[in-house]
Amino acid sequence: WQGLMDWIESVMLTQESNINPEDLKLVNIVD
């Protein structure tokens, strides 16, 4: 899952501002 979340952060959030920083906190990644 980390690759997907990295893309969401780098492209959806940082590059395009299509989500808010708080939205990243809606998901937890565990092993």
PDB file of all heavy atoms in Angstrom:
ATOM      1  N   TRP A   1       0.785  -1.224   0.000  1.00  0.00           N
ATOM      2  CA  TRP A   1       0.000   0.000   0.000  1.00  0.00           C
ATOM      3  C   TRP A   1       0.825   1.286   0.000  1.00  0.00           C
ATOM      4  O   TRP A   1       0.297   2.352  -0.353  1.00  0.00           O
ATOM      5  CB  TRP A   1      -0.916   0.026   1.222  1.00  0.00           C
ATOM      6  CG  TRP A   1      -1.966  -1.035   1.208  1.00  0.00           C
ATOM      7  CD1 TRP A   1      -2.041  -2.131   2.019  1.00  0.00           C
ATOM      8  CD2 TRP A   1      -3.098  -1.109   0.341  1.00  0.00           C
ATOM      9  NE1 TRP A   1      -3.146  -2.890   1.718  1.00  0.00           N
ATOM     10  CE2 TRP A   1      -3.815  -2.284   0.695  1.00  0.00           C
ATOM     11  CE3 TRP A   1      -3.586  -0.297  -0.686  1.00  0.00           C
ATOM     12  CZ2 TRP A   1      -4.995  -2.648   0.044  1.00  0.00           C
ATOM     13  CZ3 TRP A   1      -4.749  -0.670  -1.340  1.00  0.00           C
ATOM     14  CH2 TRP A   1      -5.442  -1.830  -0.968  1.00  0.00           C
ATOM     15  N   GLN A   2       2.099   1.234   0.399  1.00  0.00           N
ATOM     16  CA  GLN A   2       2.846   2.469   0.585  1.00  0.00           C
ATOM     17  C   GLN A   2       2.989   3.268  -0.714  1.00  0.00           C
ATOM     18  O   GLN A   2       2.932   4.506  -0.699  1.00  0.00           O
ATOM     19  CB  GLN A   2       4.229   2.184   1.162  1.00  0.00           C
ATOM     20  CG  GLN A   2       4.941   3.438   1.686  1.00  0.00           C
ATOM     21  CD  GLN A   2       4.181   4.108   2.819  1.00  0.00           C
ATOM     22  OE1 GLN A   2       3.921   3.483   3.849  1.00  0.00           O
ATOM     23  NE2 GLN A   2       3.806   5.379   2.641  1.00  0.00           N
ATOM     24  N   GLY A   3       3.159   2.587  -1.833  1.00  0.00           N
ATOM     25  CA  GLY A   3       3.289   3.292  -3.111  1.00  0.00           C
ATOM     26  C   GLY A   3       2.046   4.103  -3.445  1.00  0.00           C
ATOM     27  O   GLY A   3       2.135   5.241  -3.936  1.00  0.00           O
ATOM     28  N   LEU A   4       0.880   3.526  -3.188  1.00  0.00           N
ATOM     29  CA  LEU A   4      -0.375   4.244  -3.417  1.00  0.00           C
ATOM     30  C   LEU A   4      -0.466   5.476  -2.527  1.00  0.00           C
ATOM     31  O   LEU A   4      -0.820   6.573  -2.990  1.00  0.00           O
ATOM     32  CB  LEU A   4      -1.560   3.317  -3.154  1.00  0.00           C
ATOM     33  CG  LEU A   4      -2.952   3.966  -3.178  1.00  0.00           C
ATOM     34  CD1 LEU A   4      -3.273   4.520  -4.559  1.00  0.00           C
ATOM     35  CD2 LEU A   4      -4.018   2.961  -2.733  1.00  0.00           C
ATOM     36  N   MET A   5      -0.147   5.306  -1.248  1.00  0.00           N
ATOM     37  CA  MET A   5      -0.241   6.425  -0.323  1.00  0.00           C
ATOM     38  C   MET A   5       0.787   7.508  -0.648  1.00  0.00           C
ATOM     39  O   MET A   5       0.514   8.709  -0.488  1.00  0.00           O
ATOM     40  CB  MET A   5      -0.067   5.933   1.115  1.00  0.00           C
ATOM     41  CG  MET A   5      -1.163   4.976   1.582  1.00  0.00           C
ATOM     42  SD  MET A   5      -2.842   5.619   1.312  1.00  0.00           S
ATOM     43  CE  MET A   5      -2.833   7.085   2.344  1.00  0.00           C
ATOM     44  N   ASP A   6       1.968   7.101  -1.123  1.00  0.00           N
ATOM     45  CA  ASP A   6       2.980   8.089  -1.533  1.00  0.00           C
ATOM     46  C   ASP A   6       2.463   8.912  -2.713  1.00  0.00           C
ATOM     47  O   ASP A   6       2.668  10.132  -2.768  1.00  0.00           O
ATOM     48  CB  ASP A   6       4.286   7.387  -1.918  1.00  0.00           C
ATOM     49  CG  ASP A   6       5.015   6.809  -0.712  1.00  0.00           C
ATOM     50  OD1 ASP A   6       4.689   7.205   0.433  1.00  0.00           O
ATOM     51  OD2 ASP A   6       5.902   5.953  -0.912  1.00  0.00           O
ATOM     52  N   TRP A   7       1.807   8.250  -3.669  1.00  0.00           N
ATOM     53  CA  TRP A   7       1.243   8.963  -4.824  1.00  0.00           C
ATOM     54  C   TRP A   7       0.134   9.916  -4.388  1.00  0.00           C
ATOM     55  O   TRP A   7       0.061  11.053  -4.855  1.00  0.00           O
ATOM     56  CB  TRP A   7       0.703   7.954  -5.841  1.00  0.00           C
ATOM     57  CG  TRP A   7       0.041   8.620  -7.009  1.00  0.00           C
ATOM     58  CD1 TRP A   7       0.629   9.133  -8.119  1.00  0.00           C
ATOM     59  CD2 TRP A   7      -1.368   8.877  -7.159  1.00  0.00           C
ATOM     60  NE1 TRP A   7      -0.304   9.694  -8.959  1.00  0.00           N
ATOM     61  CE2 TRP A   7      -1.537   9.542  -8.395  1.00  0.00           C
ATOM     62  CE3 TRP A   7      -2.482   8.602  -6.371  1.00  0.00           C
ATOM     63  CZ2 TRP A   7      -2.794   9.944  -8.857  1.00  0.00           C
ATOM     64  CZ3 TRP A   7      -3.736   9.002  -6.833  1.00  0.00           C
ATOM     65  CH2 TRP A   7      -3.882   9.661  -8.062  1.00  0.00           C
ATOM     66  N   ILE A   8      -0.718   9.465  -3.485  1.00  0.00           N
ATOM     67  CA  ILE A   8      -1.785  10.325  -2.982  1.00  0.00           C
ATOM     68  C   ILE A   8      -1.198  11.585  -2.344  1.00  0.00           C
ATOM     69  O   ILE A   8      -1.681  12.700  -2.573  1.00  0.00           O
ATOM     70  CB  ILE A   8      -2.662   9.560  -1.967  1.00  0.00           C
ATOM     71  CG1 ILE A   8      -3.505   8.508  -2.704  1.00  0.00           C
ATOM     72  CG2 ILE A   8      -3.560  10.512  -1.180  1.00  0.00           C
ATOM     73  CD1 ILE A   8      -4.286   7.593  -1.789  1.00  0.00           C
ATOM     74  N   GLU A   9      -0.119  11.404  -1.568  1.00  0.00           N
ATOM     75  CA  GLU A   9       0.489  12.556  -0.896  1.00  0.00           C
ATOM     76  C   GLU A   9       1.225  13.465  -1.869  1.00  0.00           C
ATOM     77  O   GLU A   9       1.084  14.695  -1.821  1.00  0.00           O
ATOM     78  CB  GLU A   9       1.452  12.084   0.195  1.00  0.00           C
ATOM     79  CG  GLU A   9       2.073  13.231   0.972  1.00  0.00           C
ATOM     80  CD  GLU A   9       2.901  12.766   2.155  1.00  0.00           C
ATOM     81  OE1 GLU A   9       3.045  11.540   2.356  1.00  0.00           O
ATOM     82  OE2 GLU A   9       3.418  13.626   2.894  1.00  0.00           O
ATOM     83  N   SER A  10       2.014  12.876  -2.772  1.00  0.00           N
ATOM     84  CA  SER A  10       2.858  13.698  -3.642  1.00  0.00           C
ATOM     85  C   SER A  10       2.088  14.333  -4.799  1.00  0.00           C
ATOM     86  O   SER A  10       2.384  15.476  -5.196  1.00  0.00           O
ATOM     87  CB  SER A  10       4.021  12.859  -4.201  1.00  0.00           C
ATOM     88  OG  SER A  10       3.533  11.805  -5.009  1.00  0.00           O
ATOM     89  N   VAL A  11       1.099  13.617  -5.334  1.00  0.00           N
ATOM     90  CA  VAL A  11       0.371  14.124  -6.506  1.00  0.00           C
ATOM     91  C   VAL A  11      -0.981  14.732  -6.117  1.00  0.00           C
ATOM     92  O   VAL A  11      -1.245  15.907  -6.387  1.00  0.00           O
ATOM     93  CB  VAL A  11       0.172  13.015  -7.564  1.00  0.00           C
ATOM     94  CG1 VAL A  11      -0.622  13.553  -8.762  1.00  0.00           C
ATOM     95  CG2 VAL A  11       1.519  12.480  -8.030  1.00  0.00           C
ATOM     96  N   MET A  12      -1.821  13.961  -5.481  1.00  0.00           N
ATOM     97  CA  MET A  12      -3.159  14.468  -5.148  1.00  0.00           C
ATOM     98  C   MET A  12      -3.097  15.652  -4.188  1.00  0.00           C
ATOM     99  O   MET A  12      -3.823  16.630  -4.358  1.00  0.00           O
ATOM    100  CB  MET A  12      -4.011  13.352  -4.537  1.00  0.00           C
ATOM    101  CG  MET A  12      -4.394  12.262  -5.510  1.00  0.00           C
ATOM    102  SD  MET A  12      -5.416  10.968  -4.743  1.00  0.00           S
ATOM    103  CE  MET A  12      -6.936  11.846  -4.496  1.00  0.00           C
ATOM    104  N   LEU A  13      -2.225  15.533  -3.171  1.00  0.00           N
ATOM    105  CA  LEU A  13      -2.138  16.591  -2.159  1.00  0.00           C
ATOM    106  C   LEU A  13      -1.178  17.698  -2.566  1.00  0.00           C
ATOM    107  O   LEU A  13      -1.578  18.853  -2.768  1.00  0.00           O
ATOM    108  CB  LEU A  13      -1.715  15.996  -0.818  1.00  0.00           C
ATOM    109  CG  LEU A  13      -1.425  16.997   0.306  1.00  0.00           C
ATOM    110  CD1 LEU A  13      -2.666  17.811   0.633  1.00  0.00           C
ATOM    111  CD2 LEU A  13      -0.883  16.278   1.531  1.00  0.00           C
ATOM    112  N   THR A  14       0.107  17.366  -2.709  1.00  0.00           N
ATOM    113  CA  THR A  14       1.138  18.387  -2.909  1.00  0.00           C
ATOM    114  C   THR A  14       1.072  19.025  -4.288  1.00  0.00           C
ATOM    115  O   THR A  14       1.118  20.256  -4.430  1.00  0.00           O
ATOM    116  CB  THR A  14       2.533  17.776  -2.683  1.00  0.00           C
ATOM    117  OG1 THR A  14       2.571  17.155  -1.397  1.00  0.00           O
ATOM    118  CG2 THR A  14       3.610  18.841  -2.788  1.00  0.00           C
ATOM    119  N   GLN A  15       0.967  18.205  -5.323  1.00  0.00           N
ATOM    120  CA  GLN A  15       1.018  18.729  -6.690  1.00  0.00           C
ATOM    121  C   GLN A  15      -0.290  19.368  -7.130  1.00  0.00           C
ATOM    122  O   GLN A  15      -0.299  20.450  -7.724  1.00  0.00           O
ATOM    123  CB  GLN A  15       1.406  17.603  -7.657  1.00  0.00           C
ATOM    124  CG  GLN A  15       1.562  18.033  -9.113  1.00  0.00           C
ATOM    125  CD  GLN A  15       2.044  16.884  -9.978  1.00  0.00           C
ATOM    126  OE1 GLN A  15       2.973  16.166  -9.619  1.00  0.00           O
ATOM    127  NE2 GLN A  15       1.392  16.697 -11.118  1.00  0.00           N
ATOM    128  N   GLU A  16      -1.412  18.711  -6.857  1.00  0.00           N
ATOM    129  CA  GLU A  16      -2.694  19.176  -7.391  1.00  0.00           C
ATOM    130  C   GLU A  16      -3.642  19.772  -6.350  1.00  0.00           C
ATOM    131  O   GLU A  16      -4.664  20.352  -6.706  1.00  0.00           O
ATOM    132  CB  GLU A  16      -3.407  18.006  -8.103  1.00  0.00           C
ATOM    133  CG  GLU A  16      -2.629  17.412  -9.269  1.00  0.00           C
ATOM    134  CD  GLU A  16      -2.439  18.375 -10.413  1.00  0.00           C
ATOM    135  OE1 GLU A  16      -3.233  19.343 -10.517  1.00  0.00           O
ATOM    136  OE2 GLU A  16      -1.503  18.187 -11.207  1.00  0.00           O
ATOM    137  N   SER A  17      -3.338  19.625  -5.069  1.00  0.00           N
ATOM    138  CA  SER A  17      -4.191  20.151  -3.984  1.00  0.00           C
ATOM    139  C   SER A  17      -5.635  19.666  -4.091  1.00  0.00           C
ATOM    140  O   SER A  17      -6.593  20.417  -3.850  1.00  0.00           O
ATOM    141  CB  SER A  17      -4.167  21.689  -3.987  1.00  0.00           C
ATOM    142  OG  SER A  17      -2.858  22.175  -3.796  1.00  0.00           O
ATOM    143  N   ASN A  18      -5.805  18.403  -4.437  1.00  0.00           N
ATOM    144  CA  ASN A  18      -7.146  17.833  -4.576  1.00  0.00           C
ATOM    145  C   ASN A  18      -7.685  17.250  -3.275  1.00  0.00           C
ATOM    146  O   ASN A  18      -8.860  16.842  -3.218  1.00  0.00           O
ATOM    147  CB  ASN A  18      -7.152  16.757  -5.664  1.00  0.00           C
ATOM    148  CG  ASN A  18      -7.074  17.362  -7.056  1.00  0.00           C
ATOM    149  OD1 ASN A  18      -7.551  18.465  -7.281  1.00  0.00           O
ATOM    150  ND2 ASN A  18      -6.474  16.641  -7.986  1.00  0.00           N
ATOM    151  N   ILE A  19      -6.856  17.146  -2.258  1.00  0.00           N
ATOM    152  CA  ILE A  19      -7.291  16.744  -0.922  1.00  0.00           C
ATOM    153  C   ILE A  19      -6.607  17.647   0.093  1.00  0.00           C
ATOM    154  O   ILE A  19      -5.721  18.441  -0.265  1.00  0.00           O
ATOM    155  CB  ILE A  19      -6.954  15.257  -0.625  1.00  0.00           C
ATOM    156  CG1 ILE A  19      -5.435  15.021  -0.691  1.00  0.00           C
ATOM    157  CG2 ILE A  19      -7.695  14.323  -1.560  1.00  0.00           C
ATOM    158  CD1 ILE A  19      -5.006  13.640  -0.229  1.00  0.00           C
ATOM    159  N   ASN A  20      -7.025  17.544   1.340  1.00  0.00           N
ATOM    160  CA  ASN A  20      -6.412  18.313   2.419  1.00  0.00           C
ATOM    161  C   ASN A  20      -5.398  17.463   3.181  1.00  0.00           C
ATOM    162  O   ASN A  20      -5.516  16.225   3.196  1.00  0.00           O
ATOM    163  CB  ASN A  20      -7.481  18.801   3.396  1.00  0.00           C
ATOM    164  CG  ASN A  20      -8.439  19.778   2.755  1.00  0.00           C
ATOM    165  OD1 ASN A  20      -8.024  20.630   1.959  1.00  0.00           O
ATOM    166  ND2 ASN A  20      -9.714  19.662   3.090  1.00  0.00           N
ATOM    167  N   PRO A  21      -4.410  18.089   3.816  1.00  0.00           N
ATOM    168  CA  PRO A  21      -3.437  17.319   4.599  1.00  0.00           C
ATOM    169  C   PRO A  21      -4.096  16.420   5.645  1.00  0.00           C
ATOM    170  O   PRO A  21      -3.622  15.314   5.910  1.00  0.00           O
ATOM    171  CB  PRO A  21      -2.580  18.415   5.258  1.00  0.00           C
ATOM    172  CG  PRO A  21      -2.674  19.570   4.323  1.00  0.00           C
ATOM    173  CD  PRO A  21      -4.073  19.525   3.776  1.00  0.00           C
ATOM    174  N   GLU A  22      -5.198  16.877   6.240  1.00  0.00           N
ATOM    175  CA  GLU A  22      -5.890  16.090   7.256  1.00  0.00           C
ATOM    176  C   GLU A  22      -6.434  14.779   6.700  1.00  0.00           C
ATOM    177  O   GLU A  22      -6.610  13.813   7.435  1.00  0.00           O
ATOM    178  CB  GLU A  22      -7.038  16.902   7.863  1.00  0.00           C
ATOM    179  CG  GLU A  22      -6.596  18.017   8.790  1.00  0.00           C
ATOM    180  CD  GLU A  22      -5.899  17.469  10.030  1.00  0.00           C
ATOM    181  OE1 GLU A  22      -6.447  16.543  10.656  1.00  0.00           O
ATOM    182  OE2 GLU A  22      -4.802  17.960  10.355  1.00  0.00           O
ATOM    183  N   ASP A  23      -6.702  14.747   5.402  1.00  0.00           N
ATOM    184  CA  ASP A  23      -7.273  13.539   4.796  1.00  0.00           C
ATOM    185  C   ASP A  23      -6.315  12.358   4.863  1.00  0.00           C
ATOM    186  O   ASP A  23      -6.741  11.196   4.885  1.00  0.00           O
ATOM    187  CB  ASP A  23      -7.666  13.803   3.335  1.00  0.00           C
ATOM    188  CG  ASP A  23      -8.794  14.814   3.215  1.00  0.00           C
ATOM    189  OD1 ASP A  23      -9.598  14.912   4.165  1.00  0.00           O
ATOM    190  OD2 ASP A  23      -8.872  15.493   2.175  1.00  0.00           O
ATOM    191  N   LEU A  24      -5.016  12.648   4.889  1.00  0.00           N
ATOM    192  CA  LEU A  24      -4.034  11.560   4.964  1.00  0.00           C
ATOM    193  C   LEU A  24      -4.121  10.823   6.294  1.00  0.00           C
ATOM    194  O   LEU A  24      -3.717   9.662   6.395  1.00  0.00           O
ATOM    195  CB  LEU A  24      -2.616  12.118   4.777  1.00  0.00           C
ATOM    196  CG  LEU A  24      -2.293  12.726   3.408  1.00  0.00           C
ATOM    197  CD1 LEU A  24      -0.882  13.309   3.423  1.00  0.00           C
ATOM    198  CD2 LEU A  24      -2.428  11.689   2.295  1.00  0.00           C
ATOM    199  N   LYS A  25      -4.665  11.488   7.304  1.00  0.00           N
ATOM    200  CA  LYS A  25      -4.765  10.877   8.626  1.00  0.00           C
ATOM    201  C   LYS A  25      -5.956   9.924   8.750  1.00  0.00           C
ATOM    202  O   LYS A  25      -6.144   9.291   9.787  1.00  0.00           O
ATOM    203  CB  LYS A  25      -4.870  11.954   9.695  1.00  0.00           C
ATOM    204  CG  LYS A  25      -3.649  12.880   9.748  1.00  0.00           C
ATOM    205  CD  LYS A  25      -3.840  13.975  10.790  1.00  0.00           C
ATOM    206  CE  LYS A  25      -2.647  14.930  10.809  1.00  0.00           C
ATOM    207  NZ  LYS A  25      -2.831  16.026  11.795  1.00  0.00           N
ATOM    208  N   LEU A  26      -6.758   9.838   7.692  1.00  0.00           N
ATOM    209  CA  LEU A  26      -7.922   8.938   7.720  1.00  0.00           C
ATOM    210  C   LEU A  26      -7.521   7.475   7.581  1.00  0.00           C
ATOM    211  O   LEU A  26      -8.322   6.582   7.840  1.00  0.00           O
ATOM    212  CB  LEU A  26      -8.901   9.303   6.600  1.00  0.00           C
ATOM    213  CG  LEU A  26      -9.515  10.703   6.648  1.00  0.00           C
ATOM    214  CD1 LEU A  26     -10.413  10.928   5.444  1.00  0.00           C
ATOM    215  CD2 LEU A  26     -10.282  10.905   7.945  1.00  0.00           C
ATOM    216  N   VAL A  27      -6.269   7.236   7.173  1.00  0.00           N
ATOM    217  CA  VAL A  27      -5.817   5.876   6.869  1.00  0.00           C
ATOM    218  C   VAL A  27      -4.592   5.531   7.709  1.00  0.00           C
ATOM    219  O   VAL A  27      -3.684   6.356   7.878  1.00  0.00           O
ATOM    220  CB  VAL A  27      -5.473   5.737   5.370  1.00  0.00           C
ATOM    221  CG1 VAL A  27      -4.900   4.366   5.073  1.00  0.00           C
ATOM    222  CG2 VAL A  27      -6.714   5.985   4.518  1.00  0.00           C
ATOM    223  N   ASN A  28      -4.567   4.318   8.238  1.00  0.00           N
ATOM    224  CA  ASN A  28      -3.400   3.790   8.959  1.00  0.00           C
ATOM    225  C   ASN A  28      -2.818   2.627   8.155  1.00  0.00           C
ATOM    226  O   ASN A  28      -3.564   1.793   7.629  1.00  0.00           O
ATOM    227  CB  ASN A  28      -3.823   3.254  10.331  1.00  0.00           C
ATOM    228  CG  ASN A  28      -4.499   4.304  11.184  1.00  0.00           C
ATOM    229  OD1 ASN A  28      -3.860   5.019  11.927  1.00  0.00           O
ATOM    230  ND2 ASN A  28      -5.823   4.403  11.082  1.00  0.00           N
ATOM    231  N   ILE A  29      -1.493   2.554   8.066  1.00  0.00           N
ATOM    232  CA  ILE A  29      -0.836   1.431   7.391  1.00  0.00           C
ATOM    233  C   ILE A  29      -0.069   0.620   8.426  1.00  0.00           C
ATOM    234  O   ILE A  29       0.722   1.172   9.192  1.00  0.00           O
ATOM    235  CB  ILE A  29       0.128   1.901   6.291  1.00  0.00           C
ATOM    236  CG1 ILE A  29      -0.590   2.815   5.284  1.00  0.00           C
ATOM    237  CG2 ILE A  29       0.707   0.696   5.558  1.00  0.00           C
ATOM    238  CD1 ILE A  29       0.305   3.296   4.164  1.00  0.00           C
ATOM    239  N   VAL A  30      -0.314  -0.688   8.448  1.00  0.00           N
ATOM    240  CA  VAL A  30       0.344  -1.571   9.417  1.00  0.00           C
ATOM    241  C   VAL A  30       0.874  -2.804   8.703  1.00  0.00           C
ATOM    242  O   VAL A  30       0.567  -3.045   7.534  1.00  0.00           O
ATOM    243  CB  VAL A  30      -0.622  -1.992  10.547  1.00  0.00           C
ATOM    244  CG1 VAL A  30      -1.210  -0.773  11.252  1.00  0.00           C
ATOM    245  CG2 VAL A  30      -1.744  -2.878  10.002  1.00  0.00           C
ATOM    246  N   ASP A  31       1.642  -3.596   9.441  1.00  0.00           N
ATOM    247  CA  ASP A  31       2.238  -4.794   8.854  1.00  0.00           C
ATOM    248  C   ASP A  31       1.856  -6.088   9.560  1.00  0.00           C
ATOM    249  O   ASP A  31       2.164  -7.168   9.057  1.00  0.00           O
ATOM    250  CB  ASP A  31       3.771  -4.675   8.847  1.00  0.00           C
ATOM    251  CG  ASP A  31       4.307  -4.222   7.494  1.00  0.00           C
ATOM    252  OD1 ASP A  31       3.645  -4.482   6.474  1.00  0.00           O
ATOM    253  OD2 ASP A  31       5.376  -3.594   7.469  1.00  0.00           O
TER     254      ASP A  31
END
